[in-house]
Amino acid sequence: MSAPGHDFYGQGPRRVQELLGTRRLADHIAQRYVADRLDDAAAGIVEAADCFYLATANAAGAPDCSYKGGLPGFLKILAPDQLMFPSYDGNGMFRSLGNILENPRVGILIIDYEKPIKLRINGEAQVSQNPEQLEVFPEADAVVHIRTTEVFENCPRYLHEVGQRRHSDYVPRPGHVPPDPEWKLKSEYEGLVRLRNQRPDQVP
């Protein structure tokens, strides 16, 4: 296990560890279980993931958290310390991508409720519209490339039991045209959004 090339804990966590008497435990976990890249176990979790949560912050440090969903493999491993995922059509706000342009530091949380497992990945991200990378992900507007700095599992004891659900019909995939979401069909968005299909009132 290769540890990150920096102090895993800042002053805030250290103060709380001292207050609650967990510093020795925290040091043990960081030294033994925190890496700067994916090992085989972490890679397996990433490759099986069909969703994750992405944390970003803007230049002023204001945080944002976004759910990202796709088919297994949409969070792609390029190297043990390199990941890439697509930015699909959304609501046009681009808070995550915009934050990355201002502040490249990101956090990813992957949850497997069945095992159960929680995997956390921190790193530095870049937004790209490289044509070769876009070809990897059908219908992606952009891709996000991440260099990992911290990779670690943490205790899943408080995860609730969640039934397995099928993948969303809206997820892009080869040979499938996702339907337009209902919110895009509202008259207030006419002329503001891209539609794959005709509005109901435009169908002959």
N, C-alpha and C. Protein backbone atom coordinates (compact mmCIF):
# COMPACT_ATOMS: atom_id res chain seq x y z
N MET A 1 0.86 -1.19 0.00
CA MET A 1 0.00 0.00 0.00
C MET A 1 0.90 1.24 0.00
N SER A 2 0.79 2.05 -1.05
CA SER A 2 1.60 3.26 -1.13
C SER A 2 0.81 4.44 -0.58
N ALA A 3 1.35 5.11 0.42
CA ALA A 3 0.65 6.22 1.06
C ALA A 3 0.73 7.47 0.20
N PRO A 4 -0.23 8.39 0.33
CA PRO A 4 -0.17 9.66 -0.40
C PRO A 4 1.10 10.42 -0.05
N GLY A 5 1.57 11.24 -1.00
CA GLY A 5 2.79 11.99 -0.77
C GLY A 5 2.55 13.27 -0.01
N HIS A 6 1.61 13.28 0.94
CA HIS A 6 1.34 14.46 1.75
C HIS A 6 0.63 13.99 3.02
N ASP A 7 0.47 14.91 3.98
CA ASP A 7 -0.23 14.56 5.21
C ASP A 7 -1.71 14.34 4.91
N PHE A 8 -2.19 13.15 5.16
CA PHE A 8 -3.57 12.79 4.85
C PHE A 8 -4.56 13.60 5.68
N TYR A 9 -4.15 14.02 6.87
CA TYR A 9 -5.03 14.76 7.76
C TYR A 9 -4.57 16.22 7.88
N GLY A 10 -5.50 17.13 7.78
CA GLY A 10 -5.19 18.54 8.01
C GLY A 10 -5.35 18.88 9.48
N GLN A 11 -5.24 20.16 9.80
CA GLN A 11 -5.32 20.60 11.18
C GLN A 11 -6.68 20.34 11.82
N GLY A 12 -7.75 20.49 11.04
CA GLY A 12 -9.09 20.26 11.58
C GLY A 12 -9.30 18.84 12.04
N PRO A 13 -9.07 17.83 11.16
CA PRO A 13 -9.20 16.45 11.62
C PRO A 13 -8.29 16.12 12.80
N ARG A 14 -7.07 16.67 12.80
CA ARG A 14 -6.17 16.39 13.91
C ARG A 14 -6.73 16.92 15.23
N ARG A 15 -7.33 18.08 15.21
CA ARG A 15 -7.91 18.64 16.43
C ARG A 15 -9.02 17.75 16.97
N VAL A 16 -9.87 17.25 16.05
CA VAL A 16 -10.97 16.39 16.49
C VAL A 16 -10.43 15.05 16.99
N GLN A 17 -9.40 14.50 16.31
CA GLN A 17 -8.80 13.24 16.76
C GLN A 17 -8.24 13.38 18.17
N GLU A 18 -7.58 14.48 18.43
CA GLU A 18 -7.03 14.71 19.77
C GLU A 18 -8.16 14.86 20.80
N LEU A 19 -9.21 15.57 20.42
CA LEU A 19 -10.34 15.79 21.32
C LEU A 19 -11.03 14.49 21.68
N LEU A 20 -11.20 13.60 20.69
CA LEU A 20 -11.96 12.37 20.91
C LEU A 20 -11.07 11.14 21.08
N GLY A 21 -9.76 11.33 21.11
CA GLY A 21 -8.84 10.24 21.42
C GLY A 21 -8.68 9.20 20.33
N THR A 22 -8.76 9.60 19.05
CA THR A 22 -8.67 8.61 17.96
C THR A 22 -7.42 8.79 17.10
N ARG A 23 -6.46 9.59 17.53
CA ARG A 23 -5.32 9.88 16.66
C ARG A 23 -4.54 8.62 16.30
N ARG A 24 -4.28 7.73 17.26
CA ARG A 24 -3.52 6.51 16.97
C ARG A 24 -4.27 5.64 15.97
N LEU A 25 -5.58 5.54 16.13
CA LEU A 25 -6.39 4.77 15.18
C LEU A 25 -6.33 5.40 13.80
N ALA A 26 -6.48 6.73 13.74
CA ALA A 26 -6.46 7.44 12.46
C ALA A 26 -5.12 7.27 11.76
N ASP A 27 -4.03 7.34 12.52
CA ASP A 27 -2.71 7.15 11.93
C ASP A 27 -2.55 5.74 11.38
N HIS A 28 -3.03 4.75 12.13
CA HIS A 28 -2.94 3.36 11.68
C HIS A 28 -3.68 3.17 10.35
N ILE A 29 -4.88 3.71 10.26
CA ILE A 29 -5.68 3.57 9.03
C ILE A 29 -4.99 4.24 7.85
N ALA A 30 -4.50 5.46 8.08
CA ALA A 30 -3.86 6.19 6.99
C ALA A 30 -2.60 5.48 6.49
N GLN A 31 -1.81 4.95 7.42
CA GLN A 31 -0.56 4.29 7.03
C GLN A 31 -0.78 2.95 6.34
N ARG A 32 -1.86 2.27 6.74
CA ARG A 32 -2.06 0.91 6.20
C ARG A 32 -3.03 0.85 5.04
N TYR A 33 -4.02 1.73 5.01
CA TYR A 33 -5.11 1.55 4.04
C TYR A 33 -5.29 2.68 3.03
N VAL A 34 -4.57 3.78 3.16
CA VAL A 34 -4.73 4.88 2.21
C VAL A 34 -3.60 4.81 1.17
N ALA A 35 -3.96 4.79 -0.10
CA ALA A 35 -2.99 4.74 -1.18
C ALA A 35 -3.17 5.94 -2.09
N ASP A 36 -2.24 6.12 -3.01
CA ASP A 36 -2.38 7.22 -3.96
C ASP A 36 -2.83 6.72 -5.33
N ARG A 37 -3.15 5.41 -5.39
CA ARG A 37 -3.60 4.83 -6.66
C ARG A 37 -4.45 3.60 -6.38
N LEU A 38 -5.06 3.07 -7.41
CA LEU A 38 -5.95 1.92 -7.28
C LEU A 38 -5.15 0.62 -7.20
N ASP A 39 -5.46 -0.22 -6.23
CA ASP A 39 -4.94 -1.59 -6.25
C ASP A 39 -5.99 -2.47 -6.94
N ASP A 40 -5.77 -3.77 -6.98
CA ASP A 40 -6.69 -4.66 -7.69
C ASP A 40 -8.09 -4.62 -7.09
N ALA A 41 -8.19 -4.57 -5.77
CA ALA A 41 -9.50 -4.56 -5.12
C ALA A 41 -10.26 -3.28 -5.45
N ALA A 42 -9.57 -2.14 -5.37
CA ALA A 42 -10.21 -0.87 -5.69
C ALA A 42 -10.60 -0.81 -7.16
N ALA A 43 -9.74 -1.32 -8.03
CA ALA A 43 -10.04 -1.33 -9.46
C ALA A 43 -11.30 -2.14 -9.75
N GLY A 44 -11.48 -3.24 -9.05
CA GLY A 44 -12.69 -4.04 -9.24
C GLY A 44 -13.94 -3.29 -8.85
N ILE A 45 -13.87 -2.51 -7.78
CA ILE A 45 -15.01 -1.71 -7.36
C ILE A 45 -15.32 -0.64 -8.40
N VAL A 46 -14.29 0.02 -8.89
CA VAL A 46 -14.48 1.07 -9.90
C VAL A 46 -15.10 0.49 -11.18
N GLU A 47 -14.57 -0.63 -11.65
CA GLU A 47 -15.03 -1.21 -12.90
C GLU A 47 -16.48 -1.69 -12.82
N ALA A 48 -16.94 -2.06 -11.63
CA ALA A 48 -18.31 -2.54 -11.47
C ALA A 48 -19.30 -1.42 -11.20
N ALA A 49 -18.81 -0.22 -10.92
CA ALA A 49 -19.70 0.88 -10.50
C ALA A 49 -20.56 1.38 -11.65
N ASP A 50 -21.86 1.54 -11.37
CA ASP A 50 -22.76 2.16 -12.35
C ASP A 50 -23.21 3.54 -11.88
N CYS A 51 -22.65 4.00 -10.77
CA CYS A 51 -22.93 5.36 -10.30
C CYS A 51 -21.89 5.74 -9.25
N PHE A 52 -21.78 7.03 -9.02
CA PHE A 52 -20.94 7.53 -7.94
C PHE A 52 -21.36 8.95 -7.63
N TYR A 53 -20.85 9.48 -6.52
CA TYR A 53 -21.11 10.85 -6.13
C TYR A 53 -19.82 11.65 -6.29
N LEU A 54 -19.95 12.81 -6.92
CA LEU A 54 -18.78 13.64 -7.22
C LEU A 54 -18.86 14.94 -6.41
N ALA A 55 -17.84 15.19 -5.60
CA ALA A 55 -17.76 16.43 -4.82
C ALA A 55 -16.77 17.37 -5.50
N THR A 56 -17.20 18.62 -5.69
CA THR A 56 -16.34 19.66 -6.24
C THR A 56 -16.51 20.93 -5.41
N ALA A 57 -15.66 21.91 -5.68
CA ALA A 57 -15.78 23.22 -5.04
C ALA A 57 -15.27 24.27 -6.00
N ASN A 58 -15.83 25.47 -5.91
CA ASN A 58 -15.37 26.53 -6.79
C ASN A 58 -14.13 27.21 -6.21
N ALA A 59 -13.68 28.28 -6.86
CA ALA A 59 -12.45 28.94 -6.44
C ALA A 59 -12.55 29.50 -5.02
N ALA A 60 -13.77 29.84 -4.60
CA ALA A 60 -13.97 30.38 -3.25
C ALA A 60 -14.15 29.30 -2.21
N GLY A 61 -14.19 28.03 -2.64
CA GLY A 61 -14.35 26.92 -1.71
C GLY A 61 -15.79 26.52 -1.47
N ALA A 62 -16.76 27.13 -2.17
CA ALA A 62 -18.16 26.74 -2.01
C ALA A 62 -18.36 25.35 -2.61
N PRO A 63 -18.91 24.40 -1.82
CA PRO A 63 -18.96 23.01 -2.26
C PRO A 63 -20.19 22.69 -3.10
N ASP A 64 -20.09 21.58 -3.82
CA ASP A 64 -21.21 21.05 -4.59
C ASP A 64 -21.04 19.54 -4.65
N CYS A 65 -22.14 18.81 -4.65
CA CYS A 65 -22.09 17.36 -4.75
C CYS A 65 -23.08 16.92 -5.81
N SER A 66 -22.64 16.04 -6.71
CA SER A 66 -23.47 15.65 -7.84
C SER A 66 -23.46 14.14 -8.00
N TYR A 67 -24.63 13.58 -8.33
CA TYR A 67 -24.76 12.15 -8.64
C TYR A 67 -24.41 11.93 -10.10
N LYS A 68 -23.57 10.93 -10.39
CA LYS A 68 -23.23 10.57 -11.76
C LYS A 68 -23.61 9.12 -11.98
N GLY A 69 -24.40 8.86 -13.02
CA GLY A 69 -24.84 7.50 -13.29
C GLY A 69 -24.56 7.09 -14.73
N GLY A 70 -24.36 5.81 -14.95
CA GLY A 70 -24.11 5.27 -16.27
C GLY A 70 -24.16 3.76 -16.23
N LEU A 71 -23.61 3.11 -17.22
CA LEU A 71 -23.48 1.66 -17.21
C LEU A 71 -22.14 1.29 -16.58
N PRO A 72 -22.02 0.08 -16.00
CA PRO A 72 -20.73 -0.33 -15.44
C PRO A 72 -19.61 -0.12 -16.45
N GLY A 73 -18.53 0.49 -16.01
CA GLY A 73 -17.42 0.80 -16.89
C GLY A 73 -17.38 2.24 -17.35
N PHE A 74 -18.44 3.01 -17.02
CA PHE A 74 -18.43 4.41 -17.46
C PHE A 74 -17.43 5.25 -16.65
N LEU A 75 -17.05 4.78 -15.47
CA LEU A 75 -15.91 5.35 -14.75
C LEU A 75 -14.72 4.48 -15.14
N LYS A 76 -13.96 4.96 -16.11
CA LYS A 76 -12.97 4.14 -16.78
C LYS A 76 -11.58 4.32 -16.18
N ILE A 77 -10.89 3.20 -16.00
CA ILE A 77 -9.52 3.21 -15.49
C ILE A 77 -8.55 3.29 -16.67
N LEU A 78 -7.74 4.33 -16.69
CA LEU A 78 -6.73 4.48 -17.73
C LEU A 78 -5.37 3.97 -17.26
N ALA A 79 -5.12 4.09 -15.98
CA ALA A 79 -3.89 3.63 -15.33
C ALA A 79 -4.21 3.55 -13.84
N PRO A 80 -3.38 2.92 -13.02
CA PRO A 80 -3.69 2.83 -11.59
C PRO A 80 -3.95 4.17 -10.92
N ASP A 81 -3.40 5.27 -11.48
CA ASP A 81 -3.64 6.58 -10.89
C ASP A 81 -4.37 7.53 -11.85
N GLN A 82 -5.07 6.96 -12.84
CA GLN A 82 -5.75 7.79 -13.83
C GLN A 82 -7.15 7.24 -14.10
N LEU A 83 -8.16 8.11 -13.97
CA LEU A 83 -9.55 7.74 -14.24
C LEU A 83 -10.15 8.72 -15.24
N MET A 84 -11.23 8.29 -15.89
CA MET A 84 -11.93 9.16 -16.82
C MET A 84 -13.41 8.80 -16.80
N PHE A 85 -14.28 9.82 -16.86
CA PHE A 85 -15.71 9.55 -16.95
C PHE A 85 -16.37 10.60 -17.84
N PRO A 86 -17.55 10.28 -18.40
CA PRO A 86 -18.22 11.20 -19.32
C PRO A 86 -19.12 12.20 -18.62
N SER A 87 -19.31 13.34 -19.27
CA SER A 87 -20.34 14.30 -18.86
C SER A 87 -21.46 14.20 -19.88
N TYR A 88 -22.57 13.63 -19.47
CA TYR A 88 -23.73 13.46 -20.35
C TYR A 88 -24.63 14.70 -20.30
N ASP A 89 -25.56 14.75 -21.24
CA ASP A 89 -26.54 15.83 -21.29
C ASP A 89 -27.26 15.96 -19.95
N GLY A 90 -27.42 17.18 -19.48
CA GLY A 90 -28.09 17.40 -18.19
C GLY A 90 -28.97 18.62 -18.24
N ASN A 91 -28.92 19.41 -17.18
CA ASN A 91 -29.79 20.59 -17.09
C ASN A 91 -29.08 21.88 -17.51
N GLY A 92 -27.87 21.76 -18.03
CA GLY A 92 -27.18 22.93 -18.56
C GLY A 92 -26.50 23.81 -17.53
N MET A 93 -26.57 23.45 -16.24
CA MET A 93 -25.93 24.29 -15.22
C MET A 93 -24.42 24.09 -15.18
N PHE A 94 -23.94 22.85 -15.38
CA PHE A 94 -22.52 22.52 -15.41
C PHE A 94 -21.79 23.01 -14.17
N ARG A 95 -22.39 22.78 -13.01
CA ARG A 95 -21.73 23.19 -11.76
C ARG A 95 -20.47 22.36 -11.51
N SER A 96 -20.53 21.06 -11.75
CA SER A 96 -19.34 20.23 -11.51
C SER A 96 -18.21 20.60 -12.46
N LEU A 97 -18.50 20.65 -13.77
CA LEU A 97 -17.45 20.96 -14.73
C LEU A 97 -16.93 22.38 -14.51
N GLY A 98 -17.82 23.32 -14.23
CA GLY A 98 -17.39 24.69 -13.98
C GLY A 98 -16.52 24.80 -12.76
N ASN A 99 -16.87 24.08 -11.70
CA ASN A 99 -16.04 24.10 -10.50
C ASN A 99 -14.65 23.55 -10.79
N ILE A 100 -14.58 22.48 -11.59
CA ILE A 100 -13.29 21.87 -11.89
C ILE A 100 -12.39 22.85 -12.64
N LEU A 101 -12.98 23.67 -13.51
CA LEU A 101 -12.19 24.67 -14.21
C LEU A 101 -11.58 25.68 -13.25
N GLU A 102 -12.27 25.95 -12.14
CA GLU A 102 -11.77 26.90 -11.14
C GLU A 102 -10.90 26.24 -10.08
N ASN A 103 -11.25 25.00 -9.73
CA ASN A 103 -10.60 24.30 -8.63
C ASN A 103 -10.55 22.82 -9.00
N PRO A 104 -9.40 22.29 -9.37
CA PRO A 104 -9.33 20.92 -9.89
C PRO A 104 -9.47 19.81 -8.85
N ARG A 105 -9.50 20.16 -7.57
CA ARG A 105 -9.55 19.12 -6.54
C ARG A 105 -10.97 18.56 -6.42
N VAL A 106 -11.08 17.23 -6.51
CA VAL A 106 -12.39 16.58 -6.50
C VAL A 106 -12.36 15.38 -5.56
N GLY A 107 -13.55 14.94 -5.17
CA GLY A 107 -13.70 13.73 -4.39
C GLY A 107 -14.78 12.86 -5.00
N ILE A 108 -14.57 11.55 -5.01
CA ILE A 108 -15.54 10.59 -5.55
C ILE A 108 -15.89 9.60 -4.44
N LEU A 109 -17.18 9.30 -4.32
CA LEU A 109 -17.66 8.26 -3.40
C LEU A 109 -18.42 7.22 -4.21
N ILE A 110 -17.95 5.98 -4.16
CA ILE A 110 -18.62 4.85 -4.81
C ILE A 110 -19.20 3.96 -3.72
N ILE A 111 -20.47 3.61 -3.86
CA ILE A 111 -21.14 2.76 -2.88
C ILE A 111 -21.66 1.50 -3.56
N ASP A 112 -21.30 0.35 -3.04
CA ASP A 112 -21.89 -0.93 -3.45
C ASP A 112 -22.70 -1.43 -2.26
N TYR A 113 -24.03 -1.29 -2.37
CA TYR A 113 -24.90 -1.62 -1.24
C TYR A 113 -25.00 -3.12 -1.00
N GLU A 114 -24.71 -3.93 -2.01
CA GLU A 114 -24.87 -5.37 -1.85
C GLU A 114 -23.71 -6.01 -1.10
N LYS A 115 -22.49 -5.51 -1.29
CA LYS A 115 -21.33 -6.20 -0.70
C LYS A 115 -21.27 -6.14 0.83
N PRO A 116 -21.43 -5.04 1.54
CA PRO A 116 -21.45 -3.62 1.13
C PRO A 116 -20.03 -3.04 1.18
N ILE A 117 -19.79 -2.00 0.34
CA ILE A 117 -18.48 -1.37 0.25
C ILE A 117 -18.67 0.12 -0.01
N LYS A 118 -17.81 0.93 0.61
CA LYS A 118 -17.70 2.35 0.26
C LYS A 118 -16.26 2.61 -0.13
N LEU A 119 -16.05 3.14 -1.34
CA LEU A 119 -14.71 3.47 -1.80
C LEU A 119 -14.65 4.97 -2.05
N ARG A 120 -13.62 5.60 -1.50
CA ARG A 120 -13.44 7.04 -1.67
C ARG A 120 -12.18 7.30 -2.47
N ILE A 121 -12.29 8.19 -3.44
CA ILE A 121 -11.18 8.54 -4.31
C ILE A 121 -11.09 10.06 -4.36
N ASN A 122 -9.95 10.61 -4.00
CA ASN A 122 -9.70 12.03 -4.13
C ASN A 122 -8.62 12.25 -5.19
N GLY A 123 -8.67 13.40 -5.84
CA GLY A 123 -7.67 13.65 -6.86
C GLY A 123 -7.81 15.02 -7.49
N GLU A 124 -7.12 15.20 -8.61
CA GLU A 124 -7.16 16.45 -9.35
C GLU A 124 -7.71 16.16 -10.74
N ALA A 125 -8.65 17.00 -11.18
CA ALA A 125 -9.40 16.73 -12.41
C ALA A 125 -9.15 17.77 -13.48
N GLN A 126 -9.37 17.37 -14.72
CA GLN A 126 -9.34 18.26 -15.87
C GLN A 126 -10.54 17.94 -16.75
N VAL A 127 -11.10 18.96 -17.38
CA VAL A 127 -12.21 18.79 -18.32
C VAL A 127 -11.64 18.81 -19.74
N SER A 128 -12.08 17.87 -20.56
CA SER A 128 -11.55 17.77 -21.92
C SER A 128 -12.68 17.51 -22.91
N GLN A 129 -12.49 17.99 -24.12
CA GLN A 129 -13.35 17.63 -25.25
C GLN A 129 -12.51 17.00 -26.36
N ASN A 130 -11.47 16.31 -25.96
CA ASN A 130 -10.62 15.59 -26.89
C ASN A 130 -11.46 14.60 -27.70
N PRO A 131 -11.46 14.71 -29.04
CA PRO A 131 -12.33 13.85 -29.86
C PRO A 131 -12.11 12.35 -29.63
N GLU A 132 -10.86 11.94 -29.42
CA GLU A 132 -10.59 10.51 -29.20
C GLU A 132 -11.20 10.04 -27.89
N GLN A 133 -11.17 10.89 -26.87
CA GLN A 133 -11.77 10.52 -25.59
C GLN A 133 -13.30 10.55 -25.68
N LEU A 134 -13.85 11.51 -26.40
CA LEU A 134 -15.31 11.59 -26.55
C LEU A 134 -15.86 10.36 -27.27
N GLU A 135 -15.08 9.79 -28.19
CA GLU A 135 -15.54 8.61 -28.92
C GLU A 135 -15.73 7.40 -28.00
N VAL A 136 -15.04 7.40 -26.87
CA VAL A 136 -15.15 6.29 -25.92
C VAL A 136 -16.54 6.25 -25.28
N PHE A 137 -17.18 7.43 -25.16
CA PHE A 137 -18.45 7.54 -24.46
C PHE A 137 -19.52 8.11 -25.41
N PRO A 138 -20.41 7.28 -25.94
CA PRO A 138 -21.46 7.79 -26.84
C PRO A 138 -22.28 8.89 -26.18
N GLU A 139 -22.48 9.99 -26.90
CA GLU A 139 -23.32 11.11 -26.51
C GLU A 139 -22.74 11.97 -25.39
N ALA A 140 -21.48 11.79 -25.05
CA ALA A 140 -20.86 12.63 -24.03
C ALA A 140 -20.58 14.02 -24.59
N ASP A 141 -20.83 15.06 -23.79
CA ASP A 141 -20.50 16.43 -24.17
C ASP A 141 -19.03 16.74 -23.87
N ALA A 142 -18.50 16.10 -22.84
CA ALA A 142 -17.12 16.31 -22.42
C ALA A 142 -16.70 15.10 -21.59
N VAL A 143 -15.43 15.02 -21.28
CA VAL A 143 -14.95 13.98 -20.39
C VAL A 143 -14.16 14.64 -19.26
N VAL A 144 -14.13 13.98 -18.12
CA VAL A 144 -13.36 14.46 -16.98
C VAL A 144 -12.26 13.45 -16.71
N HIS A 145 -11.04 13.94 -16.69
CA HIS A 145 -9.86 13.10 -16.44
C HIS A 145 -9.37 13.39 -15.03
N ILE A 146 -9.14 12.34 -14.24
CA ILE A 146 -8.73 12.50 -12.85
C ILE A 146 -7.41 11.80 -12.57
N ARG A 147 -6.50 12.51 -11.93
CA ARG A 147 -5.28 11.90 -11.38
C ARG A 147 -5.52 11.67 -9.90
N THR A 148 -5.47 10.43 -9.46
CA THR A 148 -5.79 10.11 -8.07
C THR A 148 -4.66 10.51 -7.14
N THR A 149 -5.04 10.98 -5.97
CA THR A 149 -4.06 11.30 -4.92
C THR A 149 -4.32 10.51 -3.65
N GLU A 150 -5.57 10.12 -3.41
CA GLU A 150 -5.94 9.34 -2.21
C GLU A 150 -7.03 8.35 -2.59
N VAL A 151 -6.81 7.09 -2.25
CA VAL A 151 -7.78 6.02 -2.51
C VAL A 151 -7.91 5.19 -1.25
N PHE A 152 -9.14 5.04 -0.76
CA PHE A 152 -9.30 4.26 0.46
C PHE A 152 -10.76 3.83 0.63
N GLU A 153 -10.94 2.66 1.21
CA GLU A 153 -12.27 2.22 1.63
C GLU A 153 -12.52 2.74 3.03
N ASN A 154 -13.80 2.93 3.37
CA ASN A 154 -14.09 3.18 4.77
C ASN A 154 -15.34 2.45 5.21
N CYS A 155 -15.54 2.38 6.51
CA CYS A 155 -16.51 1.48 7.13
C CYS A 155 -17.91 1.63 6.54
N PRO A 156 -18.50 0.50 6.07
CA PRO A 156 -19.83 0.56 5.46
C PRO A 156 -20.97 0.22 6.42
N ARG A 157 -20.72 0.23 7.71
CA ARG A 157 -21.69 -0.32 8.66
C ARG A 157 -23.04 0.39 8.63
N TYR A 158 -23.07 1.68 8.25
CA TYR A 158 -24.33 2.42 8.30
C TYR A 158 -25.06 2.45 6.97
N LEU A 159 -24.57 1.69 6.00
CA LEU A 159 -25.29 1.61 4.73
C LEU A 159 -26.59 0.85 4.91
N HIS A 160 -27.67 1.38 4.34
CA HIS A 160 -28.96 0.72 4.41
C HIS A 160 -29.07 -0.35 3.33
N GLU A 161 -29.97 -1.30 3.53
CA GLU A 161 -30.20 -2.32 2.51
C GLU A 161 -31.07 -1.73 1.41
N VAL A 162 -30.57 -1.79 0.19
CA VAL A 162 -31.28 -1.22 -0.96
C VAL A 162 -31.44 -2.30 -2.01
N GLY A 163 -32.66 -2.45 -2.53
CA GLY A 163 -32.91 -3.45 -3.56
C GLY A 163 -32.24 -3.07 -4.87
N GLN A 164 -31.82 -4.09 -5.64
CA GLN A 164 -31.20 -3.85 -6.93
C GLN A 164 -32.24 -3.33 -7.91
N ARG A 165 -31.92 -2.26 -8.62
CA ARG A 165 -32.82 -1.68 -9.60
C ARG A 165 -32.17 -1.74 -10.97
N ARG A 166 -33.00 -1.70 -12.01
CA ARG A 166 -32.45 -1.75 -13.36
C ARG A 166 -31.86 -0.39 -13.72
N HIS A 167 -31.00 -0.40 -14.73
CA HIS A 167 -30.36 0.83 -15.16
C HIS A 167 -31.36 1.75 -15.85
N SER A 168 -31.16 3.04 -15.67
CA SER A 168 -32.07 4.03 -16.22
C SER A 168 -32.12 3.98 -17.74
N ASP A 169 -33.32 4.16 -18.30
CA ASP A 169 -33.48 4.22 -19.76
C ASP A 169 -32.80 5.45 -20.35
N TYR A 170 -32.47 6.43 -19.52
CA TYR A 170 -31.88 7.67 -20.01
C TYR A 170 -30.36 7.57 -20.19
N VAL A 171 -29.75 6.49 -19.71
CA VAL A 171 -28.29 6.35 -19.82
C VAL A 171 -27.91 6.05 -21.26
N PRO A 172 -27.01 6.86 -21.86
CA PRO A 172 -26.57 6.57 -23.23
C PRO A 172 -25.87 5.23 -23.32
N ARG A 173 -26.09 4.53 -24.43
CA ARG A 173 -25.44 3.26 -24.71
C ARG A 173 -25.55 2.98 -26.20
N PRO A 174 -24.65 2.20 -26.76
CA PRO A 174 -24.69 1.92 -28.19
C PRO A 174 -26.03 1.30 -28.62
N GLY A 175 -26.58 1.79 -29.73
CA GLY A 175 -27.80 1.23 -30.28
C GLY A 175 -29.06 1.63 -29.54
N HIS A 176 -28.99 2.59 -28.65
CA HIS A 176 -30.15 3.00 -27.87
C HIS A 176 -30.27 4.51 -27.90
N VAL A 177 -31.45 5.01 -28.23
CA VAL A 177 -31.70 6.45 -28.20
C VAL A 177 -32.49 6.77 -26.93
N PRO A 178 -31.86 7.41 -25.95
CA PRO A 178 -32.58 7.70 -24.70
C PRO A 178 -33.76 8.63 -24.96
N PRO A 179 -34.86 8.46 -24.24
CA PRO A 179 -36.00 9.37 -24.39
C PRO A 179 -35.67 10.73 -23.79
N ASP A 180 -36.41 11.73 -24.18
CA ASP A 180 -36.26 13.04 -23.57
C ASP A 180 -36.95 13.04 -22.21
N PRO A 181 -36.32 13.62 -21.19
CA PRO A 181 -36.97 13.68 -19.88
C PRO A 181 -38.19 14.60 -19.93
N GLU A 182 -39.16 14.32 -19.07
CA GLU A 182 -40.42 15.06 -19.08
C GLU A 182 -40.21 16.56 -18.87
N TRP A 183 -39.23 16.93 -18.05
CA TRP A 183 -39.05 18.36 -17.76
C TRP A 183 -38.65 19.14 -19.00
N LYS A 184 -37.94 18.47 -19.94
CA LYS A 184 -37.54 19.16 -21.15
C LYS A 184 -38.72 19.43 -22.09
N LEU A 185 -39.80 18.68 -21.92
CA LEU A 185 -40.95 18.82 -22.81
C LEU A 185 -41.90 19.93 -22.36
N LYS A 186 -41.64 20.51 -21.20
CA LYS A 186 -42.50 21.61 -20.74
C LYS A 186 -42.30 22.84 -21.62
N SER A 187 -43.38 23.57 -21.84
CA SER A 187 -43.33 24.71 -22.74
C SER A 187 -42.33 25.77 -22.30
N GLU A 188 -42.08 25.87 -20.99
CA GLU A 188 -41.17 26.90 -20.51
C GLU A 188 -39.74 26.69 -21.00
N TYR A 189 -39.40 25.46 -21.43
CA TYR A 189 -38.05 25.17 -21.89
C TYR A 189 -37.92 25.15 -23.41
N GLU A 190 -39.00 25.46 -24.11
CA GLU A 190 -38.95 25.43 -25.58
C GLU A 190 -37.91 26.44 -26.08
N GLY A 191 -37.03 25.96 -26.93
CA GLY A 191 -35.97 26.80 -27.47
C GLY A 191 -34.75 26.90 -26.58
N LEU A 192 -34.80 26.29 -25.39
CA LEU A 192 -33.68 26.38 -24.45
C LEU A 192 -32.90 25.07 -24.32
N VAL A 193 -33.54 23.97 -24.72
CA VAL A 193 -32.93 22.66 -24.52
C VAL A 193 -32.79 21.91 -25.83
N ARG A 194 -31.88 20.93 -25.82
CA ARG A 194 -31.75 20.03 -26.96
C ARG A 194 -32.69 18.86 -26.78
N LEU A 195 -33.44 18.52 -27.83
CA LEU A 195 -34.36 17.39 -27.78
C LEU A 195 -33.91 16.32 -28.77
N ARG A 196 -33.97 15.08 -28.32
CA ARG A 196 -33.67 13.97 -29.23
C ARG A 196 -34.91 13.59 -30.04
N ASN A 197 -36.08 13.81 -29.45
CA ASN A 197 -37.33 13.42 -30.07
C ASN A 197 -38.23 14.65 -30.17
N GLN A 198 -39.34 14.50 -30.88
CA GLN A 198 -40.28 15.60 -31.00
C GLN A 198 -41.13 15.71 -29.75
N ARG A 199 -41.60 16.94 -29.49
CA ARG A 199 -42.57 17.13 -28.43
C ARG A 199 -43.87 16.45 -28.81
N PRO A 200 -44.66 16.01 -27.83
CA PRO A 200 -45.93 15.36 -28.15
C PRO A 200 -46.81 16.20 -29.05
N ASP A 201 -46.81 17.55 -28.85
CA ASP A 201 -47.70 18.39 -29.67
C ASP A 201 -47.13 18.67 -31.05
N GLN A 202 -45.89 18.16 -31.31
CA GLN A 202 -45.31 18.35 -32.62
C GLN A 202 -45.38 17.08 -33.46
N VAL A 203 -45.80 15.98 -32.86
CA VAL A 203 -45.89 14.72 -33.58
C VAL A 203 -47.08 14.77 -34.54
N PRO A 204 -46.83 14.51 -35.85
CA PRO A 204 -47.95 14.59 -36.82
C PRO A 204 -49.04 13.55 -36.53
